[in-house]
């Protein structure tokens, strides 16, 4: 999959999903990123849902790791898609919700992740600001 995208010079998007399956998706996307986002190519674009409380740390780690290991970063910042489902799953399991408690916290996390990524971009890195939020677009 990544080889064909690389040969054709097109992007391959690895979308973000619910937290109960996201670890496997992130691992897969990161492994492909390490292999294919080299030289002048940024082929693999990984999705990150900024409504998750852990996302600030994840984005900072991704930026730092790309610099240390020498691959190009492909980020698609997503505000979030599964808020109610995530809250319900956490409550049913007796766990803390992985989702921010308010829309303001979600906006702040999204904007912080976006700013960190944009400020730390290298020439071959790509960040997609996937948002309908006018304030986030203006900040970008």
C-alpha atoms as a PDB file:
ATOM      1  CA  UNK A   1       0.000   0.000   0.000  1.00  0.00           C
ATOM      2  CA  UNK A   2       2.677   2.510   1.032  1.00  0.00           C
ATOM      3  CA  UNK A   3       4.993   1.325  -1.723  1.00  0.00           C
ATOM      4  CA  UNK A   4       2.429   1.996  -4.451  1.00  0.00           C
ATOM      5  CA  UNK A   5       1.609   5.436  -3.024  1.00  0.00           C
ATOM      6  CA  UNK A   6       5.324   6.238  -2.851  1.00  0.00           C
ATOM      7  CA  UNK A   7       5.933   5.066  -6.415  1.00  0.00           C
ATOM      8  CA  UNK A   8       3.045   7.201  -7.675  1.00  0.00           C
ATOM      9  CA  UNK A   9       3.945  10.205  -5.549  1.00  0.00           C
ATOM     10  CA  UNK A  10       0.529  10.434  -3.924  1.00  0.00           C
ATOM     11  CA  UNK A  11      -0.441  10.787  -0.287  1.00  0.00           C
ATOM     12  CA  UNK A  12      -1.860   7.971   1.807  1.00  0.00           C
ATOM     13  CA  UNK A  13      -4.093   9.053   4.692  1.00  0.00           C
ATOM     14  CA  UNK A  14      -4.283   6.951   7.853  1.00  0.00           C
ATOM     15  CA  UNK A  15      -7.420   8.169   9.600  1.00  0.00           C
ATOM     16  CA  UNK A  16      -8.031   8.257  13.348  1.00  0.00           C
ATOM     17  CA  UNK A  17     -10.755   6.141  14.922  1.00  0.00           C
ATOM     18  CA  UNK A  18     -12.163   5.319  18.372  1.00  0.00           C
ATOM     19  CA  UNK A  19      -9.643   4.920  21.187  1.00  0.00           C
ATOM     20  CA  UNK A  20     -10.316   1.191  21.614  1.00  0.00           C
ATOM     21  CA  UNK A  21      -8.672   0.573  18.225  1.00  0.00           C
ATOM     22  CA  UNK A  22      -6.521   3.687  17.835  1.00  0.00           C
ATOM     23  CA  UNK A  23      -3.291   2.260  19.306  1.00  0.00           C
ATOM     24  CA  UNK A  24      -3.041  -0.288  16.488  1.00  0.00           C
ATOM     25  CA  UNK A  25      -3.851   2.346  13.854  1.00  0.00           C
ATOM     26  CA  UNK A  26      -1.251   4.760  15.248  1.00  0.00           C
ATOM     27  CA  UNK A  27       1.380   2.016  15.335  1.00  0.00           C
ATOM     28  CA  UNK A  28       0.652   1.051  11.724  1.00  0.00           C
ATOM     29  CA  UNK A  29       0.707   4.690  10.581  1.00  0.00           C
ATOM     30  CA  UNK A  30       3.933   5.451  12.444  1.00  0.00           C
ATOM     31  CA  UNK A  31       5.690   2.406  11.016  1.00  0.00           C
ATOM     32  CA  UNK A  32       4.703   3.427   7.496  1.00  0.00           C
ATOM     33  CA  UNK A  33       5.734   7.025   8.194  1.00  0.00           C
ATOM     34  CA  UNK A  34       9.203   5.899   9.314  1.00  0.00           C
ATOM     35  CA  UNK A  35       9.601   3.904   6.097  1.00  0.00           C
ATOM     36  CA  UNK A  36       8.043   6.130   3.417  1.00  0.00           C
ATOM     37  CA  UNK A  37       8.367   9.739   4.624  1.00  0.00           C
ATOM     38  CA  UNK A  38      12.022  10.083   3.684  1.00  0.00           C
ATOM     39  CA  UNK A  39      14.066  12.431   1.542  1.00  0.00           C
ATOM     40  CA  UNK A  40      11.783  14.828  -0.273  1.00  0.00           C
ATOM     41  CA  UNK A  41       8.664  12.688   0.186  1.00  0.00           C
ATOM     42  CA  UNK A  42       5.859  13.009   2.684  1.00  0.00           C
ATOM     43  CA  UNK A  43       3.584  10.178   1.587  1.00  0.00           C
ATOM     44  CA  UNK A  44       1.947   9.010   4.825  1.00  0.00           C
ATOM     45  CA  UNK A  45      -0.439  11.426   6.537  1.00  0.00           C
ATOM     46  CA  UNK A  46      -1.629  10.352   9.990  1.00  0.00           C
ATOM     47  CA  UNK A  47      -4.837  11.686  11.564  1.00  0.00           C
ATOM     48  CA  UNK A  48      -4.844  12.973  15.147  1.00  0.00           C
ATOM     49  CA  UNK A  49      -8.073  13.740  17.020  1.00  0.00           C
ATOM     50  CA  UNK A  50      -7.502  16.786  19.192  1.00  0.00           C
ATOM     51  CA  UNK A  51     -10.622  16.218  21.296  1.00  0.00           C
ATOM     52  CA  UNK A  52      -8.551  13.608  23.148  1.00  0.00           C
ATOM     53  CA  UNK A  53      -6.842  14.753  26.339  1.00  0.00           C
ATOM     54  CA  UNK A  54      -3.577  13.029  25.423  1.00  0.00           C
ATOM     55  CA  UNK A  55      -3.142  14.742  22.060  1.00  0.00           C
ATOM     56  CA  UNK A  56      -0.883  17.635  23.108  1.00  0.00           C
ATOM     57  CA  UNK A  57       1.718  15.138  24.294  1.00  0.00           C
ATOM     58  CA  UNK A  58       1.250  12.934  21.222  1.00  0.00           C
ATOM     59  CA  UNK A  59       1.814  15.799  18.764  1.00  0.00           C
ATOM     60  CA  UNK A  60       4.854  17.065  20.679  1.00  0.00           C
ATOM     61  CA  UNK A  61       6.259  13.538  20.692  1.00  0.00           C
ATOM     62  CA  UNK A  62       5.597  13.072  16.955  1.00  0.00           C
ATOM     63  CA  UNK A  63       7.374  16.334  16.096  1.00  0.00           C
ATOM     64  CA  UNK A  64      10.351  15.504  18.304  1.00  0.00           C
ATOM     65  CA  UNK A  65      10.625  11.917  17.057  1.00  0.00           C
ATOM     66  CA  UNK A  66      10.541  13.005  13.400  1.00  0.00           C
ATOM     67  CA  UNK A  67      13.462  15.350  14.042  1.00  0.00           C
ATOM     68  CA  UNK A  68      15.482  12.745  15.948  1.00  0.00           C
ATOM     69  CA  UNK A  69      14.872   9.876  13.509  1.00  0.00           C
ATOM     70  CA  UNK A  70      15.055  12.035  10.372  1.00  0.00           C
ATOM     71  CA  UNK A  71      11.733  11.350   8.679  1.00  0.00           C
ATOM     72  CA  UNK A  72       9.187  13.820   7.338  1.00  0.00           C
ATOM     73  CA  UNK A  73       6.084  14.502   9.337  1.00  0.00           C
ATOM     74  CA  UNK A  74       2.595  14.148   7.860  1.00  0.00           C
ATOM     75  CA  UNK A  75      -0.120  15.329  10.259  1.00  0.00           C
ATOM     76  CA  UNK A  76      -3.831  15.747   9.751  1.00  0.00           C
ATOM     77  CA  UNK A  77      -5.250  17.553  12.779  1.00  0.00           C
ATOM     78  CA  UNK A  78      -8.868  16.632  13.409  1.00  0.00           C
ATOM     79  CA  UNK A  79     -11.043  18.247  16.055  1.00  0.00           C
ATOM     80  CA  UNK A  80     -12.772  14.924  16.771  1.00  0.00           C
ATOM     81  CA  UNK A  81     -15.577  12.662  15.671  1.00  0.00           C
ATOM     82  CA  UNK A  82     -16.552  10.235  18.419  1.00  0.00           C
ATOM     83  CA  UNK A  83     -17.052  12.386  21.526  1.00  0.00           C
ATOM     84  CA  UNK A  84     -20.334  10.932  22.746  1.00  0.00           C
ATOM     85  CA  UNK A  85     -19.325   7.362  21.981  1.00  0.00           C
ATOM     86  CA  UNK A  86     -15.991   7.777  23.777  1.00  0.00           C
ATOM     87  CA  UNK A  87     -17.640   9.275  26.854  1.00  0.00           C
ATOM     88  CA  UNK A  88     -20.254   6.503  26.970  1.00  0.00           C
ATOM     89  CA  UNK A  89     -17.647   3.732  26.560  1.00  0.00           C
ATOM     90  CA  UNK A  90     -15.494   5.215  29.315  1.00  0.00           C
ATOM     91  CA  UNK A  91     -18.456   5.576  31.677  1.00  0.00           C
ATOM     92  CA  UNK A  92     -19.640   2.013  30.998  1.00  0.00           C
ATOM     93  CA  UNK A  93     -16.126   0.748  31.740  1.00  0.00           C
ATOM     94  CA  UNK A  94     -15.724   2.848  34.881  1.00  0.00           C
ATOM     95  CA  UNK A  95     -12.858   4.821  33.308  1.00  0.00           C
ATOM     96  CA  UNK A  96     -12.110   8.516  33.011  1.00  0.00           C
ATOM     97  CA  UNK A  97     -13.267   9.938  29.704  1.00  0.00           C
ATOM     98  CA  UNK A  98     -10.394  10.345  27.209  1.00  0.00           C
ATOM     99  CA  UNK A  99     -12.253  13.336  25.729  1.00  0.00           C
ATOM    100  CA  UNK A 100     -11.979  16.920  26.907  1.00  0.00           C
ATOM    101  CA  UNK A 101     -14.851  17.991  29.163  1.00  0.00           C
ATOM    102  CA  UNK A 102     -15.713  21.157  27.234  1.00  0.00           C
ATOM    103  CA  UNK A 103     -15.652  22.468  23.699  1.00  0.00           C
ATOM    104  CA  UNK A 104     -13.360  25.269  24.903  1.00  0.00           C
ATOM    105  CA  UNK A 105     -10.811  22.708  26.115  1.00  0.00           C
ATOM    106  CA  UNK A 106     -11.086  20.915  22.762  1.00  0.00           C
ATOM    107  CA  UNK A 107     -10.530  24.178  20.852  1.00  0.00           C
ATOM    108  CA  UNK A 108      -7.521  25.023  23.038  1.00  0.00           C
ATOM    109  CA  UNK A 109      -5.981  21.587  22.487  1.00  0.00           C
ATOM    110  CA  UNK A 110      -6.563  21.748  18.734  1.00  0.00           C
ATOM    111  CA  UNK A 111      -5.032  25.215  18.472  1.00  0.00           C
ATOM    112  CA  UNK A 112      -2.062  24.272  20.685  1.00  0.00           C
ATOM    113  CA  UNK A 113      -1.352  21.156  18.588  1.00  0.00           C
ATOM    114  CA  UNK A 114      -1.678  23.136  15.381  1.00  0.00           C
ATOM    115  CA  UNK A 115       0.624  25.897  16.598  1.00  0.00           C
ATOM    116  CA  UNK A 116       3.234  23.418  17.840  1.00  0.00           C
ATOM    117  CA  UNK A 117       3.216  21.575  14.521  1.00  0.00           C
ATOM    118  CA  UNK A 118       3.357  24.710  12.372  1.00  0.00           C
ATOM    119  CA  UNK A 119       6.105  26.354  14.418  1.00  0.00           C
ATOM    120  CA  UNK A 120       8.248  23.225  14.270  1.00  0.00           C
ATOM    121  CA  UNK A 121       7.739  22.318  10.606  1.00  0.00           C
ATOM    122  CA  UNK A 122      10.667  21.300   8.482  1.00  0.00           C
ATOM    123  CA  UNK A 123      10.655  21.960   4.730  1.00  0.00           C
ATOM    124  CA  UNK A 124       9.251  18.543   3.750  1.00  0.00           C
ATOM    125  CA  UNK A 125       6.694  18.263   6.574  1.00  0.00           C
ATOM    126  CA  UNK A 126       2.968  18.585   5.847  1.00  0.00           C
ATOM    127  CA  UNK A 127       0.197  19.645   8.242  1.00  0.00           C
ATOM    128  CA  UNK A 128      -3.448  19.559   7.238  1.00  0.00           C
ATOM    129  CA  UNK A 129      -5.671  21.794   9.346  1.00  0.00           C
ATOM    130  CA  UNK A 130      -8.954  19.872   9.122  1.00  0.00           C
ATOM    131  CA  UNK A 131     -11.316  22.305  10.799  1.00  0.00           C
ATOM    132  CA  UNK A 132     -14.475  24.277  10.219  1.00  0.00           C
ATOM    133  CA  UNK A 133     -13.587  26.484  13.182  1.00  0.00           C
ATOM    134  CA  UNK A 134     -12.925  30.019  11.931  1.00  0.00           C
ATOM    135  CA  UNK A 135     -10.662  30.919  14.871  1.00  0.00           C
ATOM    136  CA  UNK A 136      -8.431  27.909  14.164  1.00  0.00           C
ATOM    137  CA  UNK A 137      -8.270  28.752  10.459  1.00  0.00           C
ATOM    138  CA  UNK A 138      -7.304  32.358  11.236  1.00  0.00           C
ATOM    139  CA  UNK A 139      -4.604  31.165  13.651  1.00  0.00           C
ATOM    140  CA  UNK A 140      -3.200  28.831  11.003  1.00  0.00           C
END
